[in-house]
Amino acid sequence: ASAAIKRYIQLGNALNATALGAIGTRYVCLLNATELKAIEPSSLRLVSLNPSACSQQTKDLLYEKAKEAFSAQHVFPAYYELILPYLGGAPGEDLKALSQANVNMNVSTFVSLRRDALMSLTPPEVQGLLGMNLQELAKWQYRSPVREWIQVQKQSQLDQLHIGLTGGTQEGYINLVTPRFPAPSSAPLGAMAMALHLLPALLLTFLMMSILS
């Protein structure tokens, strides 16, 4: 399939809607960065692709193409339904914007978002994204990536979600990292301990000699 796609492009053919329809979700992950950038954004309006199984780079590139393709239909919920298959490549700022649009994102979609984008969201923004599906997030609180997200949030903000999430940071909590030093050898420690043990006796002898002299 990869060889056929490359040959098709080498012959000067465009990755238009007809070609993308033939490639489909099954083979879209075979496209490299150069081929993905050659896709005509308007073509995505006429095909149904789902790059969820592709590399992060493929997801990122297809998201940008889809965002451009559907920009003229930026009315919710229609826009959300169109962009939904490509949200695995959405950056944090776009997700923050979606959180203001009452999109009621499924938790299964939420956990498949780009890791850095998900981690940048605050509890109120996650509440805005999930909407009526927020309660489902509690089922994921001990699983990645939700667990890692919880751990970098303030517990006070998590409590405001009222779904029982625990494990966030407490107010005023400081995470101290104890430095590790190489353990000294037993010989110097032994000598130091002996010197400290004899020090009082040596000082007393020195003082007595000073008085007697």
N, C-alpha and C. Protein backbone atom coordinates (compact mmCIF):
# COMPACT_ATOMS: atom_id res chain seq x y z
N ALA A 1 0.83 -1.20 0.00
CA ALA A 1 0.00 0.00 0.00
C ALA A 1 0.86 1.26 0.00
N SER A 2 1.92 1.24 0.80
CA SER A 2 2.82 2.39 0.87
C SER A 2 3.49 2.64 -0.47
N ALA A 3 3.91 1.57 -1.14
CA ALA A 3 4.55 1.70 -2.45
C ALA A 3 3.57 2.25 -3.48
N ALA A 4 2.32 1.81 -3.41
CA ALA A 4 1.31 2.27 -4.36
C ALA A 4 1.03 3.76 -4.17
N ILE A 5 0.96 4.18 -2.90
CA ILE A 5 0.72 5.61 -2.61
C ILE A 5 1.86 6.47 -3.14
N LYS A 6 3.09 6.01 -2.87
CA LYS A 6 4.26 6.78 -3.32
C LYS A 6 4.31 6.87 -4.84
N ARG A 7 3.99 5.75 -5.51
CA ARG A 7 4.00 5.74 -6.97
C ARG A 7 2.94 6.69 -7.51
N TYR A 8 1.79 6.70 -6.89
CA TYR A 8 0.69 7.57 -7.30
C TYR A 8 1.13 9.04 -7.23
N ILE A 9 1.82 9.40 -6.15
CA ILE A 9 2.27 10.78 -5.97
C ILE A 9 3.40 11.12 -6.93
N GLN A 10 4.30 10.15 -7.15
CA GLN A 10 5.43 10.37 -8.06
C GLN A 10 4.97 10.64 -9.48
N LEU A 11 3.81 10.13 -9.83
CA LEU A 11 3.27 10.34 -11.17
C LEU A 11 2.60 11.71 -11.31
N GLY A 12 2.70 12.50 -10.21
CA GLY A 12 2.17 13.86 -10.28
C GLY A 12 0.72 14.01 -9.88
N ASN A 13 0.16 12.99 -9.30
CA ASN A 13 -1.25 13.05 -8.89
C ASN A 13 -1.39 13.74 -7.53
N ALA A 14 -2.46 14.47 -7.34
CA ALA A 14 -2.70 15.21 -6.10
C ALA A 14 -3.42 14.34 -5.07
N LEU A 15 -3.17 14.65 -3.81
CA LEU A 15 -3.88 13.96 -2.73
C LEU A 15 -5.20 14.70 -2.50
N ASN A 16 -6.12 14.51 -3.45
CA ASN A 16 -7.42 15.16 -3.37
C ASN A 16 -8.41 14.25 -2.67
N ALA A 17 -9.67 14.62 -2.69
CA ALA A 17 -10.69 13.85 -1.99
C ALA A 17 -10.79 12.42 -2.52
N THR A 18 -10.66 12.25 -3.83
CA THR A 18 -10.75 10.91 -4.42
C THR A 18 -9.61 10.02 -3.92
N ALA A 19 -8.39 10.59 -3.92
CA ALA A 19 -7.24 9.82 -3.45
C ALA A 19 -7.35 9.51 -1.96
N LEU A 20 -7.75 10.50 -1.16
CA LEU A 20 -7.88 10.28 0.28
C LEU A 20 -8.99 9.28 0.58
N GLY A 21 -10.03 9.30 -0.22
CA GLY A 21 -11.09 8.32 -0.04
C GLY A 21 -10.60 6.91 -0.29
N ALA A 22 -9.71 6.77 -1.29
CA ALA A 22 -9.15 5.45 -1.58
C ALA A 22 -8.17 5.01 -0.50
N ILE A 23 -7.38 5.97 -0.01
CA ILE A 23 -6.41 5.66 1.05
C ILE A 23 -7.14 5.31 2.34
N GLY A 24 -8.11 6.17 2.71
CA GLY A 24 -8.96 5.89 3.86
C GLY A 24 -8.21 5.84 5.18
N THR A 25 -8.96 5.59 6.24
CA THR A 25 -8.38 5.50 7.58
C THR A 25 -7.38 4.37 7.68
N ARG A 26 -7.60 3.31 6.93
CA ARG A 26 -6.74 2.13 7.02
C ARG A 26 -5.30 2.44 6.65
N TYR A 27 -5.08 3.32 5.66
CA TYR A 27 -3.72 3.56 5.18
C TYR A 27 -3.23 5.00 5.37
N VAL A 28 -4.04 5.85 5.99
CA VAL A 28 -3.63 7.24 6.13
C VAL A 28 -2.36 7.38 6.97
N CYS A 29 -2.14 6.44 7.87
CA CYS A 29 -0.94 6.49 8.73
C CYS A 29 0.34 6.21 7.95
N LEU A 30 0.22 5.72 6.72
CA LEU A 30 1.41 5.44 5.90
C LEU A 30 1.97 6.70 5.26
N LEU A 31 1.20 7.77 5.24
CA LEU A 31 1.66 9.01 4.61
C LEU A 31 2.76 9.66 5.45
N ASN A 32 3.83 10.10 4.78
CA ASN A 32 4.90 10.79 5.51
C ASN A 32 4.58 12.28 5.61
N ALA A 33 5.45 13.01 6.29
CA ALA A 33 5.19 14.44 6.54
C ALA A 33 5.04 15.23 5.24
N THR A 34 5.89 14.95 4.26
CA THR A 34 5.82 15.67 2.99
C THR A 34 4.49 15.42 2.29
N GLU A 35 4.06 14.16 2.29
CA GLU A 35 2.80 13.81 1.65
C GLU A 35 1.60 14.42 2.38
N LEU A 36 1.66 14.44 3.71
CA LEU A 36 0.57 15.02 4.50
C LEU A 36 0.43 16.52 4.23
N LYS A 37 1.57 17.19 4.11
CA LYS A 37 1.55 18.63 3.85
C LYS A 37 1.01 18.94 2.46
N ALA A 38 1.05 17.95 1.58
CA ALA A 38 0.57 18.16 0.21
C ALA A 38 -0.95 17.97 0.09
N ILE A 39 -1.59 17.54 1.18
CA ILE A 39 -3.05 17.33 1.13
C ILE A 39 -3.76 18.67 0.98
N GLU A 40 -4.73 18.71 0.12
CA GLU A 40 -5.54 19.91 -0.04
C GLU A 40 -6.55 19.95 1.11
N PRO A 41 -6.51 20.97 1.97
CA PRO A 41 -7.44 21.02 3.12
C PRO A 41 -8.90 20.84 2.74
N SER A 42 -9.29 21.41 1.60
CA SER A 42 -10.69 21.29 1.18
C SER A 42 -11.11 19.83 0.96
N SER A 43 -10.13 18.98 0.69
CA SER A 43 -10.44 17.57 0.45
C SER A 43 -10.99 16.89 1.70
N LEU A 44 -10.57 17.36 2.87
CA LEU A 44 -11.02 16.73 4.12
C LEU A 44 -12.50 16.95 4.38
N ARG A 45 -13.10 17.90 3.68
CA ARG A 45 -14.55 18.11 3.83
C ARG A 45 -15.35 17.00 3.17
N LEU A 46 -14.70 16.26 2.26
CA LEU A 46 -15.42 15.27 1.45
C LEU A 46 -15.09 13.84 1.82
N VAL A 47 -14.18 13.65 2.77
CA VAL A 47 -13.79 12.28 3.16
C VAL A 47 -13.93 12.12 4.67
N SER A 48 -13.93 10.89 5.11
CA SER A 48 -14.00 10.58 6.54
C SER A 48 -12.75 9.82 6.94
N LEU A 49 -11.86 10.50 7.67
CA LEU A 49 -10.61 9.88 8.12
C LEU A 49 -10.57 9.87 9.65
N ASN A 50 -9.87 8.90 10.19
CA ASN A 50 -9.68 8.83 11.64
C ASN A 50 -8.22 8.46 11.91
N PRO A 51 -7.38 9.46 12.22
CA PRO A 51 -5.95 9.19 12.40
C PRO A 51 -5.57 8.80 13.83
N SER A 52 -6.52 8.31 14.63
CA SER A 52 -6.25 8.02 16.04
C SER A 52 -5.15 6.99 16.25
N ALA A 53 -4.93 6.10 15.25
CA ALA A 53 -3.90 5.07 15.39
C ALA A 53 -2.56 5.51 14.80
N CYS A 54 -2.49 6.72 14.30
CA CYS A 54 -1.27 7.21 13.64
C CYS A 54 -0.28 7.79 14.64
N SER A 55 0.90 8.14 14.15
CA SER A 55 1.91 8.78 14.98
C SER A 55 1.44 10.17 15.39
N GLN A 56 2.08 10.72 16.43
CA GLN A 56 1.68 12.06 16.88
C GLN A 56 1.93 13.10 15.81
N GLN A 57 3.02 12.95 15.06
CA GLN A 57 3.30 13.90 13.99
C GLN A 57 2.18 13.90 12.95
N THR A 58 1.70 12.71 12.58
CA THR A 58 0.61 12.61 11.61
C THR A 58 -0.65 13.26 12.16
N LYS A 59 -0.95 13.01 13.43
CA LYS A 59 -2.13 13.61 14.05
C LYS A 59 -2.02 15.14 14.04
N ASP A 60 -0.84 15.65 14.38
CA ASP A 60 -0.64 17.10 14.43
C ASP A 60 -0.86 17.74 13.06
N LEU A 61 -0.26 17.13 12.03
CA LEU A 61 -0.37 17.68 10.68
C LEU A 61 -1.80 17.61 10.14
N LEU A 62 -2.47 16.50 10.39
CA LEU A 62 -3.84 16.37 9.91
C LEU A 62 -4.79 17.29 10.67
N TYR A 63 -4.50 17.53 11.94
CA TYR A 63 -5.35 18.47 12.69
C TYR A 63 -5.28 19.87 12.08
N GLU A 64 -4.08 20.31 11.75
CA GLU A 64 -3.93 21.64 11.16
C GLU A 64 -4.66 21.72 9.82
N LYS A 65 -4.59 20.63 9.04
CA LYS A 65 -5.30 20.61 7.76
C LYS A 65 -6.81 20.66 7.99
N ALA A 66 -7.28 19.89 8.96
CA ALA A 66 -8.71 19.84 9.24
C ALA A 66 -9.21 21.17 9.79
N LYS A 67 -8.41 21.79 10.64
CA LYS A 67 -8.79 23.10 11.20
C LYS A 67 -8.97 24.12 10.10
N GLU A 68 -8.07 24.09 9.12
CA GLU A 68 -8.18 25.00 7.98
C GLU A 68 -9.39 24.65 7.12
N ALA A 69 -9.62 23.35 6.95
CA ALA A 69 -10.73 22.92 6.10
C ALA A 69 -12.09 23.33 6.66
N PHE A 70 -12.23 23.27 7.98
CA PHE A 70 -13.53 23.51 8.60
C PHE A 70 -13.65 24.90 9.24
N SER A 71 -12.67 25.76 9.01
CA SER A 71 -12.67 27.08 9.65
C SER A 71 -13.90 27.90 9.28
N ALA A 72 -14.41 27.71 8.07
CA ALA A 72 -15.58 28.47 7.63
C ALA A 72 -16.85 28.00 8.32
N GLN A 73 -16.79 26.82 8.95
CA GLN A 73 -17.97 26.27 9.63
C GLN A 73 -17.78 26.32 11.15
N HIS A 74 -17.13 27.37 11.61
CA HIS A 74 -16.78 27.48 13.02
C HIS A 74 -17.99 27.87 13.86
N VAL A 75 -19.03 27.04 13.76
CA VAL A 75 -20.24 27.23 14.55
C VAL A 75 -20.49 25.92 15.29
N PHE A 76 -20.66 26.01 16.61
CA PHE A 76 -20.85 24.81 17.42
C PHE A 76 -22.35 24.46 17.46
N PRO A 77 -22.69 23.15 17.53
CA PRO A 77 -21.79 22.01 17.65
C PRO A 77 -21.31 21.43 16.31
N ALA A 78 -21.72 22.00 15.20
CA ALA A 78 -21.34 21.45 13.90
C ALA A 78 -19.82 21.37 13.73
N TYR A 79 -19.12 22.44 14.09
CA TYR A 79 -17.66 22.46 13.93
C TYR A 79 -17.02 21.36 14.77
N TYR A 80 -17.50 21.18 15.99
CA TYR A 80 -16.92 20.17 16.87
C TYR A 80 -17.06 18.78 16.27
N GLU A 81 -18.20 18.47 15.74
CA GLU A 81 -18.41 17.15 15.14
C GLU A 81 -17.48 16.92 13.96
N LEU A 82 -17.19 17.97 13.19
CA LEU A 82 -16.30 17.84 12.04
C LEU A 82 -14.85 17.66 12.46
N ILE A 83 -14.42 18.40 13.49
CA ILE A 83 -13.02 18.39 13.90
C ILE A 83 -12.72 17.23 14.86
N LEU A 84 -13.75 16.61 15.41
CA LEU A 84 -13.60 15.58 16.44
C LEU A 84 -12.60 14.47 16.09
N PRO A 85 -12.63 13.88 14.88
CA PRO A 85 -11.69 12.79 14.60
C PRO A 85 -10.22 13.22 14.62
N TYR A 86 -9.98 14.52 14.53
CA TYR A 86 -8.61 15.03 14.41
C TYR A 86 -8.09 15.66 15.71
N LEU A 87 -8.88 15.62 16.78
CA LEU A 87 -8.51 16.33 18.02
C LEU A 87 -7.28 15.75 18.71
N GLY A 88 -6.84 14.58 18.31
CA GLY A 88 -5.62 14.01 18.88
C GLY A 88 -4.39 14.83 18.55
N GLY A 89 -4.52 15.77 17.61
CA GLY A 89 -3.40 16.63 17.25
C GLY A 89 -3.61 18.07 17.66
N ALA A 90 -4.66 18.34 18.44
CA ALA A 90 -4.98 19.72 18.83
C ALA A 90 -4.06 20.23 19.92
N PRO A 91 -3.53 21.46 19.80
CA PRO A 91 -2.69 22.04 20.85
C PRO A 91 -3.56 22.52 22.01
N GLY A 92 -2.90 22.84 23.14
CA GLY A 92 -3.62 23.23 24.33
C GLY A 92 -4.50 24.44 24.16
N GLU A 93 -4.03 25.44 23.42
CA GLU A 93 -4.82 26.67 23.28
C GLU A 93 -6.14 26.43 22.54
N ASP A 94 -6.15 25.48 21.60
CA ASP A 94 -7.39 25.17 20.88
C ASP A 94 -8.36 24.41 21.78
N LEU A 95 -7.83 23.55 22.64
CA LEU A 95 -8.69 22.82 23.59
C LEU A 95 -9.29 23.78 24.61
N LYS A 96 -8.50 24.76 25.03
CA LYS A 96 -9.01 25.77 25.97
C LYS A 96 -10.17 26.54 25.33
N ALA A 97 -10.05 26.82 24.04
CA ALA A 97 -11.14 27.51 23.33
C ALA A 97 -12.38 26.62 23.26
N LEU A 98 -12.19 25.33 23.02
CA LEU A 98 -13.31 24.40 22.96
C LEU A 98 -14.02 24.28 24.31
N SER A 99 -13.25 24.47 25.39
CA SER A 99 -13.85 24.34 26.73
C SER A 99 -14.89 25.41 26.99
N GLN A 100 -14.88 26.45 26.18
CA GLN A 100 -15.86 27.54 26.33
C GLN A 100 -17.09 27.32 25.45
N ALA A 101 -17.11 26.21 24.72
CA ALA A 101 -18.15 26.02 23.71
C ALA A 101 -19.18 24.95 24.04
N ASN A 102 -19.12 24.39 25.26
CA ASN A 102 -20.13 23.41 25.69
C ASN A 102 -20.22 22.23 24.72
N VAL A 103 -19.07 21.58 24.49
CA VAL A 103 -19.03 20.51 23.48
C VAL A 103 -19.33 19.13 24.06
N ASN A 104 -19.33 18.98 25.41
CA ASN A 104 -19.62 17.68 26.04
C ASN A 104 -18.75 16.56 25.48
N MET A 105 -17.44 16.76 25.55
CA MET A 105 -16.49 15.77 25.03
C MET A 105 -16.58 14.46 25.81
N ASN A 106 -16.53 13.35 25.10
CA ASN A 106 -16.48 12.04 25.74
C ASN A 106 -15.14 11.85 26.43
N VAL A 107 -15.13 11.12 27.54
CA VAL A 107 -13.87 10.87 28.26
C VAL A 107 -12.91 10.06 27.39
N SER A 108 -13.44 9.16 26.56
CA SER A 108 -12.58 8.37 25.68
C SER A 108 -11.82 9.28 24.71
N THR A 109 -12.45 10.36 24.28
CA THR A 109 -11.77 11.35 23.43
C THR A 109 -10.77 12.14 24.26
N PHE A 110 -11.17 12.51 25.46
CA PHE A 110 -10.31 13.30 26.35
C PHE A 110 -8.98 12.61 26.63
N VAL A 111 -9.02 11.32 26.94
CA VAL A 111 -7.79 10.61 27.30
C VAL A 111 -6.90 10.33 26.08
N SER A 112 -7.44 10.53 24.87
CA SER A 112 -6.64 10.32 23.66
C SER A 112 -6.06 11.62 23.12
N LEU A 113 -6.27 12.73 23.84
CA LEU A 113 -5.73 14.01 23.40
C LEU A 113 -4.21 14.01 23.49
N ARG A 114 -3.60 14.95 22.82
CA ARG A 114 -2.15 15.11 22.87
C ARG A 114 -1.73 15.31 24.33
N ARG A 115 -0.72 14.58 24.75
CA ARG A 115 -0.36 14.56 26.18
C ARG A 115 -0.04 15.96 26.73
N ASP A 116 0.78 16.72 26.03
CA ASP A 116 1.15 18.05 26.53
C ASP A 116 -0.04 18.98 26.55
N ALA A 117 -0.95 18.80 25.60
CA ALA A 117 -2.15 19.64 25.56
C ALA A 117 -3.07 19.32 26.73
N LEU A 118 -3.27 18.05 27.00
CA LEU A 118 -4.11 17.63 28.12
C LEU A 118 -3.55 18.14 29.44
N MET A 119 -2.24 18.03 29.62
CA MET A 119 -1.62 18.43 30.88
C MET A 119 -1.67 19.93 31.11
N SER A 120 -1.89 20.71 30.07
CA SER A 120 -1.94 22.16 30.21
C SER A 120 -3.30 22.67 30.66
N LEU A 121 -4.30 21.78 30.70
CA LEU A 121 -5.66 22.19 31.03
C LEU A 121 -5.86 22.29 32.54
N THR A 122 -6.61 23.27 32.97
CA THR A 122 -6.96 23.44 34.38
C THR A 122 -8.25 22.67 34.66
N PRO A 123 -8.56 22.39 35.94
CA PRO A 123 -9.83 21.72 36.25
C PRO A 123 -11.06 22.42 35.70
N PRO A 124 -11.18 23.76 35.79
CA PRO A 124 -12.36 24.40 35.19
C PRO A 124 -12.43 24.20 33.67
N GLU A 125 -11.27 24.17 33.00
CA GLU A 125 -11.26 23.95 31.55
C GLU A 125 -11.66 22.52 31.20
N VAL A 126 -11.23 21.57 32.01
CA VAL A 126 -11.63 20.18 31.79
C VAL A 126 -13.13 20.04 32.01
N GLN A 127 -13.64 20.70 33.04
CA GLN A 127 -15.09 20.70 33.27
C GLN A 127 -15.84 21.28 32.07
N GLY A 128 -15.29 22.36 31.50
CA GLY A 128 -15.92 22.96 30.33
C GLY A 128 -15.89 22.03 29.12
N LEU A 129 -14.81 21.28 28.95
CA LEU A 129 -14.71 20.34 27.83
C LEU A 129 -15.67 19.17 27.98
N LEU A 130 -15.68 18.55 29.16
CA LEU A 130 -16.45 17.33 29.36
C LEU A 130 -17.94 17.60 29.59
N GLY A 131 -18.25 18.73 30.21
CA GLY A 131 -19.65 19.06 30.42
C GLY A 131 -20.40 17.97 31.15
N MET A 132 -21.45 17.46 30.52
CA MET A 132 -22.30 16.45 31.13
C MET A 132 -21.58 15.11 31.31
N ASN A 133 -20.41 14.94 30.72
CA ASN A 133 -19.64 13.70 30.86
C ASN A 133 -18.57 13.78 31.96
N LEU A 134 -18.56 14.87 32.72
CA LEU A 134 -17.52 15.07 33.73
C LEU A 134 -17.47 13.95 34.75
N GLN A 135 -18.62 13.44 35.16
CA GLN A 135 -18.67 12.40 36.19
C GLN A 135 -17.87 11.16 35.78
N GLU A 136 -17.80 10.90 34.47
CA GLU A 136 -17.08 9.73 33.97
C GLU A 136 -15.58 9.83 34.23
N LEU A 137 -15.07 11.05 34.44
CA LEU A 137 -13.64 11.23 34.66
C LEU A 137 -13.18 10.53 35.93
N ALA A 138 -14.06 10.41 36.92
CA ALA A 138 -13.70 9.76 38.19
C ALA A 138 -13.30 8.30 37.99
N LYS A 139 -13.84 7.66 36.96
CA LYS A 139 -13.49 6.26 36.70
C LYS A 139 -12.06 6.11 36.19
N TRP A 140 -11.49 7.22 35.72
CA TRP A 140 -10.14 7.20 35.16
C TRP A 140 -9.08 7.74 36.12
N GLN A 141 -9.45 8.12 37.34
CA GLN A 141 -8.52 8.86 38.17
C GLN A 141 -7.28 8.07 38.59
N TYR A 142 -7.32 6.76 38.48
CA TYR A 142 -6.14 5.95 38.81
C TYR A 142 -5.45 5.41 37.56
N ARG A 143 -5.85 5.92 36.41
CA ARG A 143 -5.28 5.44 35.15
C ARG A 143 -4.63 6.61 34.40
N SER A 144 -3.62 6.29 33.61
CA SER A 144 -2.94 7.30 32.80
C SER A 144 -3.83 7.64 31.59
N PRO A 145 -3.86 8.89 31.16
CA PRO A 145 -3.08 10.05 31.62
C PRO A 145 -3.79 10.90 32.68
N VAL A 146 -5.01 10.48 33.07
CA VAL A 146 -5.76 11.28 34.05
C VAL A 146 -5.03 11.35 35.38
N ARG A 147 -4.42 10.24 35.79
CA ARG A 147 -3.71 10.24 37.07
C ARG A 147 -2.60 11.28 37.07
N GLU A 148 -1.83 11.35 36.01
CA GLU A 148 -0.73 12.32 35.93
C GLU A 148 -1.28 13.75 35.89
N TRP A 149 -2.43 13.94 35.24
CA TRP A 149 -3.04 15.26 35.21
C TRP A 149 -3.48 15.69 36.61
N ILE A 150 -4.08 14.78 37.33
CA ILE A 150 -4.54 15.07 38.70
C ILE A 150 -3.37 15.50 39.58
N GLN A 151 -2.25 14.82 39.45
CA GLN A 151 -1.11 15.06 40.33
C GLN A 151 -0.49 16.45 40.19
N VAL A 152 -0.74 17.14 39.08
CA VAL A 152 -0.18 18.48 38.91
C VAL A 152 -1.23 19.57 39.13
N GLN A 153 -2.43 19.18 39.59
CA GLN A 153 -3.47 20.15 39.87
C GLN A 153 -3.56 20.43 41.37
N LYS A 154 -4.08 21.58 41.75
CA LYS A 154 -4.33 21.89 43.15
C LYS A 154 -5.55 21.10 43.62
N GLN A 155 -5.42 20.47 44.77
CA GLN A 155 -6.52 19.67 45.28
C GLN A 155 -7.77 20.52 45.52
N SER A 156 -7.57 21.78 45.90
CA SER A 156 -8.71 22.67 46.14
C SER A 156 -9.53 22.86 44.86
N GLN A 157 -8.86 22.95 43.71
CA GLN A 157 -9.58 23.09 42.44
C GLN A 157 -10.26 21.78 42.03
N LEU A 158 -9.59 20.65 42.31
CA LEU A 158 -10.20 19.35 42.01
C LEU A 158 -11.46 19.14 42.85
N ASP A 159 -11.42 19.61 44.10
CA ASP A 159 -12.58 19.46 44.97
C ASP A 159 -13.79 20.22 44.43
N GLN A 160 -13.54 21.30 43.72
CA GLN A 160 -14.63 22.12 43.17
C GLN A 160 -15.38 21.41 42.03
N LEU A 161 -14.77 20.32 41.51
CA LEU A 161 -15.45 19.54 40.48
C LEU A 161 -16.53 18.63 41.07
N HIS A 162 -16.40 18.32 42.39
CA HIS A 162 -17.39 17.52 43.12
C HIS A 162 -17.59 16.13 42.53
N ILE A 163 -16.49 15.52 42.08
CA ILE A 163 -16.61 14.14 41.57
C ILE A 163 -15.65 13.19 42.29
N GLY A 164 -15.04 13.66 43.39
CA GLY A 164 -14.23 12.78 44.23
C GLY A 164 -12.81 12.54 43.76
N LEU A 165 -12.24 13.42 42.97
CA LEU A 165 -10.86 13.24 42.52
C LEU A 165 -9.91 13.58 43.66
N THR A 166 -8.94 12.71 43.91
CA THR A 166 -7.95 12.93 44.96
C THR A 166 -6.55 12.71 44.40
N GLY A 167 -5.55 13.29 45.09
CA GLY A 167 -4.17 13.11 44.65
C GLY A 167 -3.52 14.37 44.15
N GLY A 168 -4.26 15.50 44.18
CA GLY A 168 -3.68 16.77 43.77
C GLY A 168 -2.78 17.34 44.85
N THR A 169 -2.12 18.43 44.54
CA THR A 169 -1.20 19.05 45.51
C THR A 169 -1.99 19.90 46.49
N GLN A 170 -1.56 19.88 47.75
CA GLN A 170 -2.20 20.68 48.79
C GLN A 170 -1.66 22.10 48.76
N GLU A 171 -2.45 23.05 49.27
CA GLU A 171 -2.01 24.44 49.32
C GLU A 171 -0.78 24.56 50.21
N GLY A 172 0.27 25.25 49.72
CA GLY A 172 1.48 25.46 50.50
C GLY A 172 2.40 24.27 50.52
N TYR A 173 2.06 23.21 49.78
CA TYR A 173 2.89 22.01 49.75
C TYR A 173 4.15 22.26 48.94
N ILE A 174 5.27 21.86 49.50
CA ILE A 174 6.55 22.00 48.81
C ILE A 174 7.17 20.62 48.66
N ASN A 175 7.50 20.29 47.46
CA ASN A 175 8.13 18.99 47.19
C ASN A 175 9.64 19.12 47.29
N LEU A 176 10.18 18.64 48.39
CA LEU A 176 11.62 18.74 48.61
C LEU A 176 12.33 17.53 48.04
N VAL A 177 13.39 17.77 47.35
CA VAL A 177 14.20 16.68 46.79
C VAL A 177 15.49 16.60 47.58
N THR A 178 15.70 15.48 48.24
CA THR A 178 16.91 15.30 49.05
C THR A 178 18.07 14.93 48.16
N PRO A 179 19.16 15.74 48.16
CA PRO A 179 20.30 15.43 47.31
C PRO A 179 21.01 14.18 47.79
N ARG A 180 21.54 13.46 46.85
CA ARG A 180 22.29 12.25 47.19
C ARG A 180 23.78 12.52 47.09
N PHE A 181 24.49 12.16 48.16
CA PHE A 181 25.94 12.33 48.16
C PHE A 181 26.58 10.95 48.25
N PRO A 182 27.73 10.78 47.65
CA PRO A 182 28.41 9.49 47.75
C PRO A 182 28.77 9.20 49.20
N ALA A 183 28.55 7.97 49.64
CA ALA A 183 28.86 7.60 51.02
C ALA A 183 30.36 7.59 51.23
N PRO A 184 30.84 8.26 52.28
CA PRO A 184 32.28 8.25 52.56
C PRO A 184 32.71 6.88 53.03
N SER A 185 33.98 6.61 52.88
CA SER A 185 34.50 5.31 53.27
C SER A 185 34.47 5.17 54.78
N SER A 186 34.48 3.95 55.27
CA SER A 186 34.39 3.69 56.71
C SER A 186 35.64 4.14 57.44
N ALA A 187 36.80 4.13 56.78
CA ALA A 187 38.05 4.50 57.45
C ALA A 187 38.05 5.95 57.91
N PRO A 188 37.76 6.94 57.06
CA PRO A 188 37.72 8.32 57.52
C PRO A 188 36.67 8.53 58.59
N LEU A 189 35.51 7.83 58.47
CA LEU A 189 34.48 7.98 59.48
C LEU A 189 34.95 7.45 60.82
N GLY A 190 35.66 6.37 60.80
CA GLY A 190 36.18 5.79 62.03
C GLY A 190 37.18 6.73 62.69
N ALA A 191 38.04 7.30 61.88
CA ALA A 191 39.06 8.20 62.43
C ALA A 191 38.40 9.45 63.00
N MET A 192 37.38 9.96 62.30
CA MET A 192 36.69 11.16 62.79
C MET A 192 35.96 10.87 64.09
N ALA A 193 35.30 9.71 64.17
CA ALA A 193 34.59 9.35 65.39
C ALA A 193 35.55 9.24 66.57
N MET A 194 36.74 8.66 66.34
CA MET A 194 37.73 8.52 67.41
C MET A 194 38.23 9.89 67.86
N ALA A 195 38.43 10.82 66.91
CA ALA A 195 38.91 12.16 67.25
C ALA A 195 37.87 12.90 68.08
N LEU A 196 36.61 12.78 67.70
CA LEU A 196 35.55 13.45 68.45
C LEU A 196 35.41 12.86 69.85
N HIS A 197 35.64 11.57 69.97
CA HIS A 197 35.55 10.91 71.27
C HIS A 197 36.66 11.37 72.21
N LEU A 198 37.87 11.59 71.69
CA LEU A 198 39.03 11.98 72.49
C LEU A 198 39.14 13.48 72.71
N LEU A 199 38.39 14.29 71.95
CA LEU A 199 38.54 15.75 72.01
C LEU A 199 38.32 16.33 73.40
N PRO A 200 37.25 15.94 74.15
CA PRO A 200 37.09 16.51 75.50
C PRO A 200 38.28 16.23 76.41
N ALA A 201 38.81 15.01 76.37
CA ALA A 201 39.95 14.66 77.23
C ALA A 201 41.19 15.45 76.84
N LEU A 202 41.42 15.66 75.57
CA LEU A 202 42.58 16.42 75.13
C LEU A 202 42.48 17.88 75.55
N LEU A 203 41.26 18.45 75.45
CA LEU A 203 41.06 19.83 75.87
C LEU A 203 41.29 19.99 77.37
N LEU A 204 40.78 19.03 78.16
CA LEU A 204 40.97 19.10 79.62
C LEU A 204 42.45 19.02 79.98
N THR A 205 43.19 18.14 79.35
CA THR A 205 44.63 18.01 79.61
C THR A 205 45.36 19.30 79.26
N PHE A 206 44.98 19.93 78.11
CA PHE A 206 45.63 21.18 77.71
C PHE A 206 45.38 22.29 78.73
N LEU A 207 44.14 22.36 79.22
CA LEU A 207 43.81 23.41 80.21
C LEU A 207 44.56 23.18 81.53
N MET A 208 44.63 21.96 81.99
CA MET A 208 45.34 21.65 83.25
C MET A 208 46.80 22.01 83.14
N MET A 209 47.40 21.70 82.01
CA MET A 209 48.82 22.01 81.81
C MET A 209 49.04 23.51 81.79
N SER A 210 48.06 24.28 81.18
CA SER A 210 48.17 25.74 81.15
C SER A 210 48.10 26.33 82.56
N ILE A 211 47.22 25.78 83.41
CA ILE A 211 47.08 26.29 84.77
C ILE A 211 48.31 26.00 85.62
N LEU A 212 48.81 24.78 85.51
CA LEU A 212 49.97 24.36 86.31
C LEU A 212 51.25 25.09 85.88
N SER A 213 51.34 25.46 84.63
CA SER A 213 52.52 26.15 84.18
C SER A 213 52.50 27.62 84.62
